[in-house]
């Protein structure tokens, strides 16, 4: 999502969210039912409770669209694979 520079990426497995852990991943869980888009200072963020998860800087449209995607596919984890540095970020159930 985002043009010309993507501000959010997601992938699907078939027609839905990838499910289950992958070897070597590091994840934060979140609840799509308690998440929302909020402006904090000048930046639009997706938050879960009081915890910011994703930052869209000044692009509220991208934040709203990402929130809709998270809810549509039921993503519940923000994960990364890393070996010395973050190599791959993804969402899953």
PDB file of N, CA and C in Angstrom:
ATOM      1  N   UNK A   1       0.832  -1.182   0.000  1.00  0.00           N
ATOM      2  CA  UNK A   1       0.000   0.000   0.000  1.00  0.00           C
ATOM      3  C   UNK A   1       0.873   1.240   0.000  1.00  0.00           C
ATOM      4  N   UNK A   2       0.346   2.296  -0.522  1.00  0.00           N
ATOM      5  CA  UNK A   2       1.072   3.556  -0.528  1.00  0.00           C
ATOM      6  C   UNK A   2       1.735   3.806  -1.862  1.00  0.00           C
ATOM      7  N   UNK A   3       1.714   5.039  -2.276  1.00  0.00           N
ATOM      8  CA  UNK A   3       2.293   5.394  -3.553  1.00  0.00           C
ATOM      9  C   UNK A   3       2.909   6.777  -3.426  1.00  0.00           C
ATOM     10  N   UNK A   4       4.102   7.034  -3.831  1.00  0.00           N
ATOM     11  CA  UNK A   4       4.974   6.151  -4.582  1.00  0.00           C
ATOM     12  C   UNK A   4       5.801   5.215  -3.693  1.00  0.00           C
ATOM     13  N   UNK A   5       5.894   5.497  -2.396  1.00  0.00           N
ATOM     14  CA  UNK A   5       6.688   4.660  -1.489  1.00  0.00           C
ATOM     15  C   UNK A   5       5.743   3.878  -0.604  1.00  0.00           C
ATOM     16  N   UNK A   6       5.750   2.547  -0.670  1.00  0.00           N
ATOM     17  CA  UNK A   6       4.828   1.761   0.151  1.00  0.00           C
ATOM     18  C   UNK A   6       5.026   2.019   1.643  1.00  0.00           C
ATOM     19  N   UNK A   7       3.902   2.173   2.346  1.00  0.00           N
ATOM     20  CA  UNK A   7       3.965   2.401   3.789  1.00  0.00           C
ATOM     21  C   UNK A   7       3.537   1.179   4.578  1.00  0.00           C
ATOM     22  N   UNK A   8       3.044   0.149   3.885  1.00  0.00           N
ATOM     23  CA  UNK A   8       2.534  -1.039   4.575  1.00  0.00           C
ATOM     24  C   UNK A   8       2.531  -2.191   3.583  1.00  0.00           C
ATOM     25  N   UNK A   9       2.985  -3.355   4.025  1.00  0.00           N
ATOM     26  CA  UNK A   9       3.008  -4.551   3.192  1.00  0.00           C
ATOM     27  C   UNK A   9       2.249  -5.664   3.899  1.00  0.00           C
ATOM     28  N   UNK A  10       1.577  -6.494   3.118  1.00  0.00           N
ATOM     29  CA  UNK A  10       0.973  -7.709   3.667  1.00  0.00           C
ATOM     30  C   UNK A  10       0.942  -8.769   2.585  1.00  0.00           C
ATOM     31  N   UNK A  11       0.873 -10.026   3.014  1.00  0.00           N
ATOM     32  CA  UNK A  11       0.817 -11.148   2.083  1.00  0.00           C
ATOM     33  C   UNK A  11      -0.317 -12.058   2.514  1.00  0.00           C
ATOM     34  N   UNK A  12      -0.823 -12.804   1.561  1.00  0.00           N
ATOM     35  CA  UNK A  12      -1.863 -13.782   1.838  1.00  0.00           C
ATOM     36  C   UNK A  12      -1.355 -15.169   1.484  1.00  0.00           C
ATOM     37  N   UNK A  13      -1.913 -16.165   2.157  1.00  0.00           N
ATOM     38  CA  UNK A  13      -1.655 -17.567   1.831  1.00  0.00           C
ATOM     39  C   UNK A  13      -2.959 -18.095   1.250  1.00  0.00           C
ATOM     40  N   UNK A  14      -2.996 -18.294  -0.044  1.00  0.00           N
ATOM     41  CA  UNK A  14      -4.264 -18.607  -0.686  1.00  0.00           C
ATOM     42  C   UNK A  14      -5.107 -17.343  -0.676  1.00  0.00           C
ATOM     43  N   UNK A  15      -6.299 -17.430  -0.117  1.00  0.00           N
ATOM     44  CA  UNK A  15      -7.185 -16.262  -0.032  1.00  0.00           C
ATOM     45  C   UNK A  15      -7.269 -15.686   1.367  1.00  0.00           C
ATOM     46  N   UNK A  16      -6.374 -16.081   2.267  1.00  0.00           N
ATOM     47  CA  UNK A  16      -6.461 -15.605   3.644  1.00  0.00           C
ATOM     48  C   UNK A  16      -5.101 -15.332   4.252  1.00  0.00           C
ATOM     49  N   UNK A  17      -5.141 -15.005   5.531  1.00  0.00           N
ATOM     50  CA  UNK A  17      -3.918 -14.710   6.268  1.00  0.00           C
ATOM     51  C   UNK A  17      -3.117 -15.990   6.509  1.00  0.00           C
ATOM     52  N   UNK A  18      -1.786 -15.906   6.455  1.00  0.00           N
ATOM     53  CA  UNK A  18      -0.983 -17.053   6.878  1.00  0.00           C
ATOM     54  C   UNK A  18      -1.320 -17.393   8.332  1.00  0.00           C
ATOM     55  N   UNK A  19      -1.320 -18.683   8.647  1.00  0.00           N
ATOM     56  CA  UNK A  19      -1.713 -19.129   9.986  1.00  0.00           C
ATOM     57  C   UNK A  19      -0.565 -19.897  10.623  1.00  0.00           C
ATOM     58  N   UNK A  20      -0.307 -19.585  11.886  1.00  0.00           N
ATOM     59  CA  UNK A  20       0.651 -20.344  12.673  1.00  0.00           C
ATOM     60  C   UNK A  20       2.061 -19.807  12.622  1.00  0.00           C
ATOM     61  N   UNK A  21       2.854 -20.213  13.612  1.00  0.00           N
ATOM     62  CA  UNK A  21       4.221 -19.712  13.709  1.00  0.00           C
ATOM     63  C   UNK A  21       5.152 -20.343  12.684  1.00  0.00           C
ATOM     64  N   UNK A  22       6.226 -19.604  12.382  1.00  0.00           N
ATOM     65  CA  UNK A  22       7.292 -20.080  11.521  1.00  0.00           C
ATOM     66  C   UNK A  22       8.557 -20.173  12.361  1.00  0.00           C
ATOM     67  N   UNK A  23       9.405 -21.093  12.056  1.00  0.00           N
ATOM     68  CA  UNK A  23      10.645 -21.277  12.800  1.00  0.00           C
ATOM     69  C   UNK A  23      11.493 -20.007  12.740  1.00  0.00           C
ATOM     70  N   UNK A  24      11.939 -19.527  13.891  1.00  0.00           N
ATOM     71  CA  UNK A  24      12.830 -18.377  13.965  1.00  0.00           C
ATOM     72  C   UNK A  24      12.161 -17.020  13.960  1.00  0.00           C
ATOM     73  N   UNK A  25      10.831 -16.982  14.020  1.00  0.00           N
ATOM     74  CA  UNK A  25      10.152 -15.681  13.981  1.00  0.00           C
ATOM     75  C   UNK A  25      10.108 -15.027  15.363  1.00  0.00           C
ATOM     76  N   UNK A  26       9.958 -13.722  15.365  1.00  0.00           N
ATOM     77  CA  UNK A  26       9.767 -12.918  16.570  1.00  0.00           C
ATOM     78  C   UNK A  26       8.498 -12.110  16.343  1.00  0.00           C
ATOM     79  N   UNK A  27       7.452 -12.340  17.175  1.00  0.00           N
ATOM     80  CA  UNK A  27       6.144 -11.741  16.921  1.00  0.00           C
ATOM     81  C   UNK A  27       5.606 -10.963  18.122  1.00  0.00           C
ATOM     82  N   UNK A  28       4.794  -9.973  17.812  1.00  0.00           N
ATOM     83  CA  UNK A  28       3.967  -9.285  18.783  1.00  0.00           C
ATOM     84  C   UNK A  28       2.521  -9.597  18.432  1.00  0.00           C
ATOM     85  N   UNK A  29       1.753 -10.035  19.418  1.00  0.00           N
ATOM     86  CA  UNK A  29       0.346 -10.301  19.139  1.00  0.00           C
ATOM     87  C   UNK A  29      -0.471  -9.034  19.370  1.00  0.00           C
ATOM     88  N   UNK A  30      -1.606  -8.949  18.675  1.00  0.00           N
ATOM     89  CA  UNK A  30      -2.518  -7.826  18.849  1.00  0.00           C
ATOM     90  C   UNK A  30      -3.937  -8.325  18.625  1.00  0.00           C
ATOM     91  N   UNK A  31      -4.887  -7.536  19.051  1.00  0.00           N
ATOM     92  CA  UNK A  31      -6.298  -7.885  18.931  1.00  0.00           C
ATOM     93  C   UNK A  31      -6.960  -6.929  17.946  1.00  0.00           C
ATOM     94  N   UNK A  32      -7.359  -7.413  16.757  1.00  0.00           N
ATOM     95  CA  UNK A  32      -7.974  -6.522  15.777  1.00  0.00           C
ATOM     96  C   UNK A  32      -9.252  -5.854  16.286  1.00  0.00           C
ATOM     97  N   UNK A  33      -9.912  -6.471  17.266  1.00  0.00           N
ATOM     98  CA  UNK A  33     -11.153  -5.900  17.802  1.00  0.00           C
ATOM     99  C   UNK A  33     -10.917  -4.695  18.703  1.00  0.00           C
ATOM    100  N   UNK A  34      -9.709  -4.555  19.232  1.00  0.00           N
ATOM    101  CA  UNK A  34      -9.406  -3.421  20.118  1.00  0.00           C
ATOM    102  C   UNK A  34      -8.477  -2.407  19.464  1.00  0.00           C
ATOM    103  N   UNK A  35      -8.192  -2.598  18.184  1.00  0.00           N
ATOM    104  CA  UNK A  35      -7.280  -1.703  17.470  1.00  0.00           C
ATOM    105  C   UNK A  35      -8.030  -0.542  16.838  1.00  0.00           C
ATOM    106  N   UNK A  36      -7.300   0.511  16.554  1.00  0.00           N
ATOM    107  CA  UNK A  36      -7.881   1.657  15.876  1.00  0.00           C
ATOM    108  C   UNK A  36      -6.807   2.547  15.303  1.00  0.00           C
ATOM    109  N   UNK A  37      -7.243   3.533  14.549  1.00  0.00           N
ATOM    110  CA  UNK A  37      -6.351   4.524  13.959  1.00  0.00           C
ATOM    111  C   UNK A  37      -6.441   5.779  14.814  1.00  0.00           C
ATOM    112  N   UNK A  38      -5.298   6.301  15.205  1.00  0.00           N
ATOM    113  CA  UNK A  38      -5.275   7.506  16.041  1.00  0.00           C
ATOM    114  C   UNK A  38      -4.126   8.405  15.609  1.00  0.00           C
ATOM    115  N   UNK A  39      -4.376   9.704  15.672  1.00  0.00           N
ATOM    116  CA  UNK A  39      -3.314  10.666  15.405  1.00  0.00           C
ATOM    117  C   UNK A  39      -2.600  10.946  16.720  1.00  0.00           C
ATOM    118  N   UNK A  40      -1.296  10.710  16.729  1.00  0.00           N
ATOM    119  CA  UNK A  40      -0.461  10.978  17.895  1.00  0.00           C
ATOM    120  C   UNK A  40       0.588  11.987  17.445  1.00  0.00           C
ATOM    121  N   UNK A  41       0.497  13.169  18.051  1.00  0.00           N
ATOM    122  CA  UNK A  41       1.259  14.324  17.584  1.00  0.00           C
ATOM    123  C   UNK A  41       0.889  14.538  16.124  1.00  0.00           C
ATOM    124  N   UNK A  42       1.840  14.511  15.207  1.00  0.00           N
ATOM    125  CA  UNK A  42       1.517  14.741  13.794  1.00  0.00           C
ATOM    126  C   UNK A  42       1.395  13.452  12.988  1.00  0.00           C
ATOM    127  N   UNK A  43       1.571  12.307  13.632  1.00  0.00           N
ATOM    128  CA  UNK A  43       1.595  11.038  12.901  1.00  0.00           C
ATOM    129  C   UNK A  43       0.329  10.224  13.110  1.00  0.00           C
ATOM    130  N   UNK A  44      -0.118   9.563  12.046  1.00  0.00           N
ATOM    131  CA  UNK A  44      -1.248   8.640  12.103  1.00  0.00           C
ATOM    132  C   UNK A  44      -0.706   7.241  12.363  1.00  0.00           C
ATOM    133  N   UNK A  45      -1.261   6.589  13.388  1.00  0.00           N
ATOM    134  CA  UNK A  45      -0.780   5.279  13.807  1.00  0.00           C
ATOM    135  C   UNK A  45      -1.943   4.314  13.976  1.00  0.00           C
ATOM    136  N   UNK A  46      -1.657   3.039  13.780  1.00  0.00           N
ATOM    137  CA  UNK A  46      -2.579   1.995  14.204  1.00  0.00           C
ATOM    138  C   UNK A  46      -2.124   1.588  15.592  1.00  0.00           C
ATOM    139  N   UNK A  47      -3.067   1.590  16.523  1.00  0.00           N
ATOM    140  CA  UNK A  47      -2.740   1.279  17.904  1.00  0.00           C
ATOM    141  C   UNK A  47      -3.617   0.126  18.403  1.00  0.00           C
ATOM    142  N   UNK A  48      -3.129  -0.571  19.397  1.00  0.00           N
ATOM    143  CA  UNK A  48      -3.898  -1.579  20.116  1.00  0.00           C
ATOM    144  C   UNK A  48      -3.878  -1.146  21.567  1.00  0.00           C
ATOM    145  N   UNK A  49      -5.026  -0.674  22.057  1.00  0.00           N
ATOM    146  CA  UNK A  49      -5.059  -0.058  23.383  1.00  0.00           C
ATOM    147  C   UNK A  49      -4.264   1.228  23.327  1.00  0.00           C
ATOM    148  N   UNK A  50      -3.221   1.318  24.145  1.00  0.00           N
ATOM    149  CA  UNK A  50      -2.345   2.492  24.120  1.00  0.00           C
ATOM    150  C   UNK A  50      -1.031   2.219  23.392  1.00  0.00           C
ATOM    151  N   UNK A  51      -0.879   1.017  22.852  1.00  0.00           N
ATOM    152  CA  UNK A  51       0.388   0.637  22.216  1.00  0.00           C
ATOM    153  C   UNK A  51       0.352   0.876  20.713  1.00  0.00           C
ATOM    154  N   UNK A  52       1.226   1.763  20.212  1.00  0.00           N
ATOM    155  CA  UNK A  52       1.307   1.962  18.765  1.00  0.00           C
ATOM    156  C   UNK A  52       1.952   0.753  18.102  1.00  0.00           C
ATOM    157  N   UNK A  53       1.363   0.304  16.988  1.00  0.00           N
ATOM    158  CA  UNK A  53       1.880  -0.855  16.258  1.00  0.00           C
ATOM    159  C   UNK A  53       2.483  -0.473  14.911  1.00  0.00           C
ATOM    160  N   UNK A  54       1.804   0.389  14.171  1.00  0.00           N
ATOM    161  CA  UNK A  54       2.232   0.765  12.829  1.00  0.00           C
ATOM    162  C   UNK A  54       2.112   2.273  12.687  1.00  0.00           C
ATOM    163  N   UNK A  55       3.127   2.893  12.083  1.00  0.00           N
ATOM    164  CA  UNK A  55       3.171   4.348  11.925  1.00  0.00           C
ATOM    165  C   UNK A  55       3.071   4.699  10.444  1.00  0.00           C
ATOM    166  N   UNK A  56       2.132   5.561  10.108  1.00  0.00           N
ATOM    167  CA  UNK A  56       1.918   5.971   8.725  1.00  0.00           C
ATOM    168  C   UNK A  56       2.263   7.446   8.513  1.00  0.00           C
ATOM    169  N   UNK A  57       3.011   8.002   9.423  1.00  0.00           N
ATOM    170  CA  UNK A  57       3.462   9.386   9.400  1.00  0.00           C
ATOM    171  C   UNK A  57       2.241  10.285   9.196  1.00  0.00           C
ATOM    172  N   UNK A  58       2.130  10.999   8.110  1.00  0.00           N
ATOM    173  CA  UNK A  58       1.016  11.934   7.925  1.00  0.00           C
ATOM    174  C   UNK A  58      -0.084  11.380   7.023  1.00  0.00           C
ATOM    175  N   UNK A  59      -0.026  10.081   6.691  1.00  0.00           N
ATOM    176  CA  UNK A  59      -0.960   9.517   5.720  1.00  0.00           C
ATOM    177  C   UNK A  59      -2.106   8.759   6.404  1.00  0.00           C
ATOM    178  N   UNK A  60      -3.165   9.466   6.748  1.00  0.00           N
ATOM    179  CA  UNK A  60      -4.324   8.856   7.393  1.00  0.00           C
ATOM    180  C   UNK A  60      -5.019   7.858   6.474  1.00  0.00           C
ATOM    181  N   UNK A  61      -5.059   8.138   5.180  1.00  0.00           N
ATOM    182  CA  UNK A  61      -5.707   7.230   4.230  1.00  0.00           C
ATOM    183  C   UNK A  61      -5.056   5.850   4.266  1.00  0.00           C
ATOM    184  N   UNK A  62      -3.715   5.789   4.259  1.00  0.00           N
ATOM    185  CA  UNK A  62      -3.019   4.504   4.337  1.00  0.00           C
ATOM    186  C   UNK A  62      -3.277   3.819   5.674  1.00  0.00           C
ATOM    187  N   UNK A  63      -3.311   4.576   6.756  1.00  0.00           N
ATOM    188  CA  UNK A  63      -3.589   3.995   8.074  1.00  0.00           C
ATOM    189  C   UNK A  63      -4.982   3.370   8.099  1.00  0.00           C
ATOM    190  N   UNK A  64      -5.973   4.076   7.571  1.00  0.00           N
ATOM    191  CA  UNK A  64      -7.336   3.543   7.523  1.00  0.00           C
ATOM    192  C   UNK A  64      -7.410   2.296   6.645  1.00  0.00           C
ATOM    193  N   UNK A  65      -6.738   2.328   5.507  1.00  0.00           N
ATOM    194  CA  UNK A  65      -6.756   1.180   4.604  1.00  0.00           C
ATOM    195  C   UNK A  65      -6.066  -0.031   5.240  1.00  0.00           C
ATOM    196  N   UNK A  66      -4.937   0.175   5.898  1.00  0.00           N
ATOM    197  CA  UNK A  66      -4.240  -0.921   6.573  1.00  0.00           C
ATOM    198  C   UNK A  66      -5.101  -1.508   7.691  1.00  0.00           C
ATOM    199  N   UNK A  67      -5.788  -0.652   8.442  1.00  0.00           N
ATOM    200  CA  UNK A  67      -6.671  -1.131   9.504  1.00  0.00           C
ATOM    201  C   UNK A  67      -7.775  -2.014   8.921  1.00  0.00           C
ATOM    202  N   UNK A  68      -8.350  -1.601   7.800  1.00  0.00           N
ATOM    203  CA  UNK A  68      -9.402  -2.386   7.143  1.00  0.00           C
ATOM    204  C   UNK A  68      -8.863  -3.745   6.689  1.00  0.00           C
ATOM    205  N   UNK A  69      -7.638  -3.785   6.176  1.00  0.00           N
ATOM    206  CA  UNK A  69      -7.027  -5.044   5.740  1.00  0.00           C
ATOM    207  C   UNK A  69      -6.788  -5.961   6.930  1.00  0.00           C
ATOM    208  N   UNK A  70      -6.274  -5.422   8.020  1.00  0.00           N
ATOM    209  CA  UNK A  70      -6.035  -6.222   9.232  1.00  0.00           C
ATOM    210  C   UNK A  70      -7.331  -6.868   9.701  1.00  0.00           C
ATOM    211  N   UNK A  71      -8.404  -6.092   9.735  1.00  0.00           N
ATOM    212  CA  UNK A  71      -9.694  -6.624  10.185  1.00  0.00           C
ATOM    213  C   UNK A  71     -10.275  -7.614   9.177  1.00  0.00           C
ATOM    214  N   UNK A  72     -10.178  -7.306   7.900  1.00  0.00           N
ATOM    215  CA  UNK A  72     -10.738  -8.185   6.865  1.00  0.00           C
ATOM    216  C   UNK A  72     -10.132  -9.583   6.930  1.00  0.00           C
ATOM    217  N   UNK A  73      -8.821  -9.659   7.053  1.00  0.00           N
ATOM    218  CA  UNK A  73      -8.143 -10.952   7.032  1.00  0.00           C
ATOM    219  C   UNK A  73      -7.902 -11.533   8.426  1.00  0.00           C
ATOM    220  N   UNK A  74      -8.215 -10.781   9.464  1.00  0.00           N
ATOM    221  CA  UNK A  74      -8.084 -11.300  10.825  1.00  0.00           C
ATOM    222  C   UNK A  74      -6.658 -11.493  11.294  1.00  0.00           C
ATOM    223  N   UNK A  75      -5.731 -10.674  10.784  1.00  0.00           N
ATOM    224  CA  UNK A  75      -4.351 -10.759  11.263  1.00  0.00           C
ATOM    225  C   UNK A  75      -4.322 -10.521  12.770  1.00  0.00           C
ATOM    226  N   UNK A  76      -3.477 -11.273  13.480  1.00  0.00           N
ATOM    227  CA  UNK A  76      -3.372 -11.129  14.931  1.00  0.00           C
ATOM    228  C   UNK A  76      -1.931 -11.023  15.430  1.00  0.00           C
ATOM    229  N   UNK A  77      -0.962 -11.106  14.506  1.00  0.00           N
ATOM    230  CA  UNK A  77       0.450 -11.033  14.891  1.00  0.00           C
ATOM    231  C   UNK A  77       1.230 -10.202  13.879  1.00  0.00           C
ATOM    232  N   UNK A  78       2.117  -9.370  14.386  1.00  0.00           N
ATOM    233  CA  UNK A  78       3.091  -8.659  13.576  1.00  0.00           C
ATOM    234  C   UNK A  78       4.429  -9.329  13.851  1.00  0.00           C
ATOM    235  N   UNK A  79       5.053  -9.874  12.803  1.00  0.00           N
ATOM    236  CA  UNK A  79       6.241 -10.711  13.000  1.00  0.00           C
ATOM    237  C   UNK A  79       7.412 -10.247  12.149  1.00  0.00           C
ATOM    238  N   UNK A  80       8.590 -10.707  12.561  1.00  0.00           N
ATOM    239  CA  UNK A  80       9.792 -10.455  11.781  1.00  0.00           C
ATOM    240  C   UNK A  80      10.703 -11.668  11.847  1.00  0.00           C
ATOM    241  N   UNK A  81      11.459 -11.820  10.814  1.00  0.00           N
ATOM    242  CA  UNK A  81      12.548 -12.789  10.768  1.00  0.00           C
ATOM    243  C   UNK A  81      13.814 -11.959  10.720  1.00  0.00           C
ATOM    244  N   UNK A  82      14.762 -12.295  11.566  1.00  0.00           N
ATOM    245  CA  UNK A  82      15.964 -11.479  11.630  1.00  0.00           C
ATOM    246  C   UNK A  82      17.193 -12.352  11.850  1.00  0.00           C
ATOM    247  N   UNK A  83      18.260 -11.906  11.257  1.00  0.00           N
ATOM    248  CA  UNK A  83      19.549 -12.519  11.516  1.00  0.00           C
ATOM    249  C   UNK A  83      20.545 -11.372  11.595  1.00  0.00           C
ATOM    250  N   UNK A  84      20.649 -10.792  12.785  1.00  0.00           N
ATOM    251  CA  UNK A  84      21.528  -9.645  12.969  1.00  0.00           C
ATOM    252  C   UNK A  84      20.848  -8.325  12.653  1.00  0.00           C
ATOM    253  N   UNK A  85      19.867  -8.345  11.762  1.00  0.00           N
ATOM    254  CA  UNK A  85      19.070  -7.171  11.425  1.00  0.00           C
ATOM    255  C   UNK A  85      17.713  -7.686  10.940  1.00  0.00           C
ATOM    256  N   UNK A  86      16.740  -6.823  10.879  1.00  0.00           N
ATOM    257  CA  UNK A  86      15.414  -7.244  10.415  1.00  0.00           C
ATOM    258  C   UNK A  86      15.498  -7.522   8.917  1.00  0.00           C
ATOM    259  N   UNK A  87      15.188  -8.747   8.544  1.00  0.00           N
ATOM    260  CA  UNK A  87      15.242  -9.141   7.141  1.00  0.00           C
ATOM    261  C   UNK A  87      13.867  -9.211   6.500  1.00  0.00           C
ATOM    262  N   UNK A  88      12.815  -9.484   7.301  1.00  0.00           N
ATOM    263  CA  UNK A  88      11.519  -9.749   6.712  1.00  0.00           C
ATOM    264  C   UNK A  88      10.437  -9.459   7.746  1.00  0.00           C
ATOM    265  N   UNK A  89       9.481  -8.606   7.413  1.00  0.00           N
ATOM    266  CA  UNK A  89       8.352  -8.286   8.274  1.00  0.00           C
ATOM    267  C   UNK A  89       7.076  -8.835   7.632  1.00  0.00           C
ATOM    268  N   UNK A  90       6.171  -9.368   8.459  1.00  0.00           N
ATOM    269  CA  UNK A  90       4.925  -9.902   7.930  1.00  0.00           C
ATOM    270  C   UNK A  90       3.858  -9.965   9.016  1.00  0.00           C
ATOM    271  N   UNK A  91       2.625 -10.145   8.584  1.00  0.00           N
ATOM    272  CA  UNK A  91       1.490 -10.322   9.483  1.00  0.00           C
ATOM    273  C   UNK A  91       0.972 -11.743   9.317  1.00  0.00           C
ATOM    274  N   UNK A  92       0.422 -12.305  10.390  1.00  0.00           N
ATOM    275  CA  UNK A  92      -0.173 -13.644  10.327  1.00  0.00           C
ATOM    276  C   UNK A  92      -1.232 -13.780  11.400  1.00  0.00           C
ATOM    277  N   UNK A  93      -1.965 -14.881  11.330  1.00  0.00           N
ATOM    278  CA  UNK A  93      -2.924 -15.237  12.392  1.00  0.00           C
ATOM    279  C   UNK A  93      -2.188 -16.049  13.427  1.00  0.00           C
TER     280      UNK A  93
END
